[in-house]
N, C-alpha and C. Protein backbone atom coordinates (compact mmCIF):
# COMPACT_ATOMS: atom_id res chain seq x y z
N MET A 1 0.83 -1.18 0.00
CA MET A 1 0.00 0.00 0.00
C MET A 1 0.87 1.24 0.00
N VAL A 2 1.93 1.21 0.77
CA VAL A 2 2.82 2.36 0.84
C VAL A 2 3.46 2.61 -0.51
N ILE A 3 3.84 1.53 -1.19
CA ILE A 3 4.46 1.67 -2.50
C ILE A 3 3.46 2.26 -3.48
N ALA A 4 2.21 1.87 -3.38
CA ALA A 4 1.19 2.41 -4.27
C ALA A 4 0.99 3.90 -4.05
N VAL A 5 1.01 4.34 -2.80
CA VAL A 5 0.85 5.77 -2.50
C VAL A 5 2.02 6.55 -3.06
N VAL A 6 3.24 6.06 -2.85
CA VAL A 6 4.42 6.75 -3.37
C VAL A 6 4.38 6.78 -4.89
N GLY A 7 3.95 5.68 -5.52
CA GLY A 7 3.84 5.63 -6.97
C GLY A 7 2.82 6.63 -7.50
N ALA A 8 1.70 6.73 -6.81
CA ALA A 8 0.67 7.69 -7.23
C ALA A 8 1.17 9.12 -7.12
N ILE A 9 1.85 9.43 -6.04
CA ILE A 9 2.39 10.78 -5.85
C ILE A 9 3.44 11.07 -6.92
N ALA A 10 4.28 10.08 -7.19
CA ALA A 10 5.32 10.26 -8.20
C ALA A 10 4.71 10.50 -9.58
N SER A 11 3.66 9.76 -9.92
CA SER A 11 3.04 9.94 -11.24
C SER A 11 2.40 11.32 -11.36
N VAL A 12 1.82 11.82 -10.27
CA VAL A 12 1.24 13.18 -10.30
C VAL A 12 2.34 14.22 -10.49
N LEU A 13 3.44 14.05 -9.76
CA LEU A 13 4.54 15.00 -9.91
C LEU A 13 5.13 14.97 -11.31
N VAL A 14 5.31 13.79 -11.88
CA VAL A 14 5.84 13.68 -13.24
C VAL A 14 4.88 14.30 -14.23
N ALA A 15 3.58 14.08 -14.03
CA ALA A 15 2.59 14.67 -14.94
C ALA A 15 2.61 16.19 -14.86
N LYS A 16 2.78 16.74 -13.67
CA LYS A 16 2.85 18.20 -13.52
C LYS A 16 4.08 18.76 -14.21
N VAL A 17 5.20 18.07 -14.05
CA VAL A 17 6.45 18.56 -14.63
C VAL A 17 6.42 18.45 -16.14
N SER A 18 5.86 17.37 -16.68
CA SER A 18 5.90 17.14 -18.12
C SER A 18 4.73 17.75 -18.88
N ALA A 19 3.74 18.28 -18.20
CA ALA A 19 2.58 18.88 -18.87
C ALA A 19 2.98 20.18 -19.55
N PRO A 20 2.44 20.42 -20.76
CA PRO A 20 2.75 21.68 -21.44
C PRO A 20 2.18 22.85 -20.66
N ARG A 21 2.95 23.92 -20.60
CA ARG A 21 2.54 25.09 -19.83
C ARG A 21 2.15 26.23 -20.77
N PRO A 22 1.05 26.94 -20.47
CA PRO A 22 0.67 28.07 -21.31
C PRO A 22 1.57 29.27 -21.05
N ASP A 23 1.76 30.08 -22.09
CA ASP A 23 2.54 31.31 -21.90
C ASP A 23 1.62 32.42 -21.41
N ALA A 24 2.10 33.65 -21.43
CA ALA A 24 1.33 34.78 -20.90
C ALA A 24 0.05 35.02 -21.70
N ASP A 25 0.04 34.67 -22.99
CA ASP A 25 -1.15 34.88 -23.83
C ASP A 25 -2.14 33.72 -23.71
N GLY A 26 -1.80 32.71 -22.99
CA GLY A 26 -2.69 31.56 -22.82
C GLY A 26 -2.45 30.46 -23.83
N ARG A 27 -1.47 30.63 -24.73
CA ARG A 27 -1.17 29.59 -25.70
C ARG A 27 -0.27 28.55 -25.06
N VAL A 28 -0.47 27.32 -25.44
CA VAL A 28 0.36 26.24 -24.92
C VAL A 28 1.67 26.23 -25.68
N LEU A 29 2.75 26.28 -24.96
CA LEU A 29 4.07 26.27 -25.58
C LEU A 29 4.43 24.85 -25.98
N GLU A 30 5.18 24.73 -27.03
CA GLU A 30 5.66 23.42 -27.45
C GLU A 30 6.68 22.92 -26.44
N VAL A 31 6.59 21.66 -26.13
CA VAL A 31 7.54 21.06 -25.22
C VAL A 31 8.69 20.52 -26.05
N GLU A 32 9.88 20.99 -25.74
CA GLU A 32 11.04 20.53 -26.48
C GLU A 32 11.51 19.19 -25.94
N GLU A 33 11.82 18.30 -26.86
CA GLU A 33 12.37 17.01 -26.47
C GLU A 33 13.84 17.21 -26.09
N PRO A 34 14.31 16.46 -25.13
CA PRO A 34 15.71 16.58 -24.76
C PRO A 34 16.61 16.20 -25.94
N ARG A 35 17.63 17.01 -26.16
CA ARG A 35 18.52 16.80 -27.31
C ARG A 35 19.76 15.99 -26.93
N ASP A 36 20.01 15.84 -25.67
CA ASP A 36 21.26 15.19 -25.25
C ASP A 36 21.06 13.71 -24.92
N GLY A 37 20.66 12.95 -25.91
CA GLY A 37 20.53 11.52 -25.69
C GLY A 37 19.17 11.09 -25.20
N GLY A 38 18.22 11.98 -25.05
CA GLY A 38 16.87 11.63 -24.68
C GLY A 38 16.65 11.39 -23.20
N GLU A 39 17.57 11.75 -22.34
CA GLU A 39 17.39 11.55 -20.91
C GLU A 39 16.56 12.68 -20.32
N LEU A 40 15.68 12.31 -19.44
CA LEU A 40 14.86 13.29 -18.75
C LEU A 40 15.61 13.75 -17.51
N LYS A 41 15.77 15.05 -17.39
CA LYS A 41 16.46 15.59 -16.22
C LYS A 41 15.42 16.04 -15.21
N VAL A 42 15.63 15.64 -13.97
CA VAL A 42 14.72 15.99 -12.90
C VAL A 42 15.41 17.00 -12.00
N SER A 43 14.65 18.01 -11.64
CA SER A 43 15.25 19.07 -10.83
C SER A 43 15.56 18.56 -9.43
N PRO A 44 16.55 19.18 -8.78
CA PRO A 44 16.90 18.77 -7.41
C PRO A 44 15.73 18.96 -6.44
N GLU A 45 14.85 19.92 -6.73
CA GLU A 45 13.69 20.14 -5.86
C GLU A 45 12.77 18.92 -5.84
N ILE A 46 12.57 18.31 -7.00
CA ILE A 46 11.72 17.13 -7.06
C ILE A 46 12.38 15.97 -6.33
N TRP A 47 13.69 15.80 -6.50
CA TRP A 47 14.39 14.73 -5.78
C TRP A 47 14.31 14.95 -4.28
N ARG A 48 14.38 16.22 -3.86
CA ARG A 48 14.26 16.51 -2.43
C ARG A 48 12.87 16.13 -1.93
N ARG A 49 11.85 16.43 -2.73
CA ARG A 49 10.48 16.06 -2.35
C ARG A 49 10.32 14.55 -2.24
N PHE A 50 10.92 13.83 -3.19
CA PHE A 50 10.88 12.36 -3.10
C PHE A 50 11.55 11.87 -1.83
N ALA A 51 12.69 12.47 -1.50
CA ALA A 51 13.40 12.05 -0.28
C ALA A 51 12.55 12.32 0.96
N VAL A 52 11.87 13.47 0.98
CA VAL A 52 11.01 13.80 2.12
C VAL A 52 9.85 12.80 2.20
N LEU A 53 9.24 12.50 1.05
CA LEU A 53 8.12 11.54 1.04
C LEU A 53 8.58 10.16 1.48
N GLU A 54 9.75 9.74 1.02
CA GLU A 54 10.27 8.43 1.43
C GLU A 54 10.50 8.38 2.94
N ALA A 55 11.03 9.48 3.49
CA ALA A 55 11.26 9.52 4.93
C ALA A 55 9.94 9.45 5.69
N LYS A 56 8.92 10.14 5.20
CA LYS A 56 7.61 10.10 5.85
C LYS A 56 6.99 8.72 5.76
N VAL A 57 7.11 8.08 4.62
CA VAL A 57 6.56 6.72 4.46
C VAL A 57 7.29 5.75 5.39
N ASP A 58 8.61 5.87 5.47
CA ASP A 58 9.37 5.01 6.38
C ASP A 58 8.93 5.21 7.82
N HIS A 59 8.72 6.48 8.19
CA HIS A 59 8.29 6.80 9.56
C HIS A 59 6.90 6.19 9.84
N LEU A 60 5.98 6.37 8.90
CA LEU A 60 4.63 5.82 9.08
C LEU A 60 4.66 4.30 9.14
N THR A 61 5.50 3.68 8.33
CA THR A 61 5.62 2.22 8.35
C THR A 61 6.11 1.75 9.72
N ALA A 62 7.09 2.45 10.28
CA ALA A 62 7.60 2.09 11.60
C ALA A 62 6.51 2.23 12.66
N ILE A 63 5.72 3.29 12.57
CA ILE A 63 4.64 3.50 13.55
C ILE A 63 3.60 2.38 13.44
N VAL A 64 3.23 2.02 12.21
CA VAL A 64 2.23 0.96 12.02
C VAL A 64 2.74 -0.36 12.59
N GLU A 65 3.99 -0.69 12.33
CA GLU A 65 4.54 -1.94 12.85
C GLU A 65 4.59 -1.94 14.37
N GLU A 66 4.94 -0.80 14.95
CA GLU A 66 4.98 -0.69 16.41
C GLU A 66 3.58 -0.87 17.01
N GLN A 67 2.58 -0.26 16.37
CA GLN A 67 1.21 -0.38 16.88
C GLN A 67 0.68 -1.81 16.74
N LYS A 68 1.07 -2.50 15.66
CA LYS A 68 0.67 -3.90 15.50
C LYS A 68 1.23 -4.74 16.63
N GLU A 69 2.47 -4.48 17.02
CA GLU A 69 3.08 -5.22 18.12
C GLU A 69 2.33 -4.95 19.43
N LYS A 70 1.96 -3.69 19.65
CA LYS A 70 1.22 -3.34 20.86
C LYS A 70 -0.14 -4.04 20.89
N VAL A 71 -0.83 -4.06 19.77
CA VAL A 71 -2.14 -4.70 19.70
C VAL A 71 -2.00 -6.20 19.98
N THR A 72 -0.98 -6.81 19.43
CA THR A 72 -0.76 -8.23 19.66
C THR A 72 -0.52 -8.52 21.13
N ARG A 73 0.30 -7.69 21.77
CA ARG A 73 0.56 -7.87 23.21
C ARG A 73 -0.71 -7.67 24.03
N LEU A 74 -1.50 -6.65 23.69
CA LEU A 74 -2.75 -6.41 24.43
C LEU A 74 -3.73 -7.56 24.25
N GLU A 75 -3.86 -8.08 23.04
CA GLU A 75 -4.75 -9.21 22.82
C GLU A 75 -4.30 -10.43 23.63
N ARG A 76 -3.00 -10.64 23.70
CA ARG A 76 -2.47 -11.76 24.49
C ARG A 76 -2.84 -11.58 25.97
N LEU A 77 -2.69 -10.35 26.46
CA LEU A 77 -3.05 -10.08 27.86
C LEU A 77 -4.55 -10.27 28.11
N LEU A 78 -5.37 -9.85 27.18
CA LEU A 78 -6.82 -10.02 27.33
C LEU A 78 -7.21 -11.49 27.33
N ARG A 79 -6.58 -12.29 26.46
CA ARG A 79 -6.86 -13.73 26.47
C ARG A 79 -6.42 -14.35 27.79
N MET A 80 -5.28 -13.88 28.32
CA MET A 80 -4.79 -14.39 29.60
C MET A 80 -5.77 -14.03 30.72
N ALA A 81 -6.29 -12.80 30.70
CA ALA A 81 -7.26 -12.38 31.71
C ALA A 81 -8.52 -13.23 31.63
N MET A 82 -8.95 -13.54 30.42
CA MET A 82 -10.13 -14.38 30.25
C MET A 82 -9.90 -15.77 30.82
N ARG A 83 -8.72 -16.35 30.57
CA ARG A 83 -8.42 -17.67 31.13
C ARG A 83 -8.41 -17.64 32.65
N ILE A 84 -7.85 -16.57 33.23
CA ILE A 84 -7.80 -16.45 34.69
C ILE A 84 -9.20 -16.36 35.28
N ILE A 85 -10.07 -15.57 34.65
CA ILE A 85 -11.45 -15.43 35.15
C ILE A 85 -12.19 -16.75 35.05
N ARG A 86 -12.04 -17.45 33.92
CA ARG A 86 -12.73 -18.74 33.77
C ARG A 86 -12.22 -19.76 34.79
N ARG A 87 -10.91 -19.78 35.03
CA ARG A 87 -10.34 -20.70 36.03
C ARG A 87 -10.88 -20.38 37.43
N ALA A 88 -10.93 -19.07 37.74
CA ALA A 88 -11.45 -18.67 39.05
C ALA A 88 -12.93 -19.03 39.18
N ASN A 89 -13.69 -18.87 38.10
CA ASN A 89 -15.11 -19.22 38.14
C ASN A 89 -15.31 -20.72 38.31
N ARG A 90 -14.45 -21.52 37.67
CA ARG A 90 -14.57 -22.97 37.88
C ARG A 90 -14.31 -23.33 39.34
N ARG A 91 -13.35 -22.67 39.96
CA ARG A 91 -13.06 -22.93 41.38
C ARG A 91 -14.23 -22.49 42.26
N LEU A 92 -14.84 -21.35 41.92
CA LEU A 92 -16.00 -20.89 42.70
C LEU A 92 -17.17 -21.86 42.56
N VAL A 93 -17.41 -22.34 41.36
CA VAL A 93 -18.50 -23.30 41.15
C VAL A 93 -18.20 -24.59 41.90
N ALA A 94 -16.93 -25.02 41.91
CA ALA A 94 -16.57 -26.24 42.63
C ALA A 94 -16.83 -26.10 44.13
N ARG A 95 -16.70 -24.88 44.65
CA ARG A 95 -16.99 -24.63 46.07
C ARG A 95 -18.44 -24.25 46.30
N GLN A 96 -19.25 -24.35 45.24
CA GLN A 96 -20.68 -24.03 45.27
C GLN A 96 -20.93 -22.57 45.63
N GLU A 97 -20.09 -21.72 45.07
CA GLU A 97 -20.30 -20.27 45.23
C GLU A 97 -20.70 -19.69 43.88
N VAL A 98 -21.19 -18.47 43.92
CA VAL A 98 -21.64 -17.80 42.70
C VAL A 98 -20.41 -17.33 41.91
N PRO A 99 -20.32 -17.71 40.64
CA PRO A 99 -19.16 -17.28 39.84
C PRO A 99 -19.24 -15.79 39.52
N GLU A 100 -18.08 -15.22 39.27
CA GLU A 100 -18.00 -13.81 38.88
C GLU A 100 -18.54 -13.63 37.46
N GLU A 101 -19.10 -12.46 37.21
CA GLU A 101 -19.58 -12.16 35.87
C GLU A 101 -18.38 -11.82 34.98
N ILE A 102 -18.41 -12.34 33.77
CA ILE A 102 -17.32 -12.07 32.82
C ILE A 102 -17.63 -10.75 32.12
N PRO A 103 -16.69 -9.82 32.14
CA PRO A 103 -16.92 -8.53 31.45
C PRO A 103 -17.17 -8.74 29.95
N ARG A 104 -18.11 -8.00 29.41
CA ARG A 104 -18.44 -8.14 27.99
C ARG A 104 -17.24 -7.88 27.09
N GLU A 105 -16.34 -7.03 27.54
CA GLU A 105 -15.18 -6.68 26.72
C GLU A 105 -14.24 -7.86 26.52
N LEU A 106 -14.27 -8.82 27.46
CA LEU A 106 -13.35 -9.96 27.39
C LEU A 106 -13.93 -11.14 26.61
N ILE A 107 -15.23 -11.17 26.38
CA ILE A 107 -15.87 -12.31 25.73
C ILE A 107 -15.27 -12.60 24.35
N PRO A 108 -14.96 -11.61 23.51
CA PRO A 108 -14.36 -11.93 22.21
C PRO A 108 -12.99 -12.61 22.34
N TYR A 109 -12.35 -12.49 23.48
CA TYR A 109 -11.01 -13.06 23.65
C TYR A 109 -11.05 -14.43 24.32
N SER A 110 -12.23 -15.02 24.39
CA SER A 110 -12.37 -16.33 24.99
C SER A 110 -11.82 -17.40 24.04
N ILE A 111 -11.02 -18.27 24.59
CA ILE A 111 -10.45 -19.36 23.79
C ILE A 111 -11.43 -20.53 23.76
N ASP A 112 -12.25 -20.65 24.77
CA ASP A 112 -13.18 -21.78 24.87
C ASP A 112 -14.24 -21.73 23.80
């Protein structure tokens, strides 16, 4: 997904740079083809923008991976809490006492 976003941004920037521009009278100027072997030269400003975008994408990727790890740890803790509550309830039932109510938030994390 990140590569697709960067590709889309790059295509927009290339389209802006390569689009014919009107002059002061509103006429579209002819775009000259490069004469030195056909290579397209990109301005340093565009390369700087690419570098900034790459840095932002890398930063966002790191944040997403960090948050995924946190979610995984939290889910593991919630499943552990559910097991502890169920074990405690089994002990209460064995002693013929009223079991504790299981919080609704923990029900999706039930392994049983």
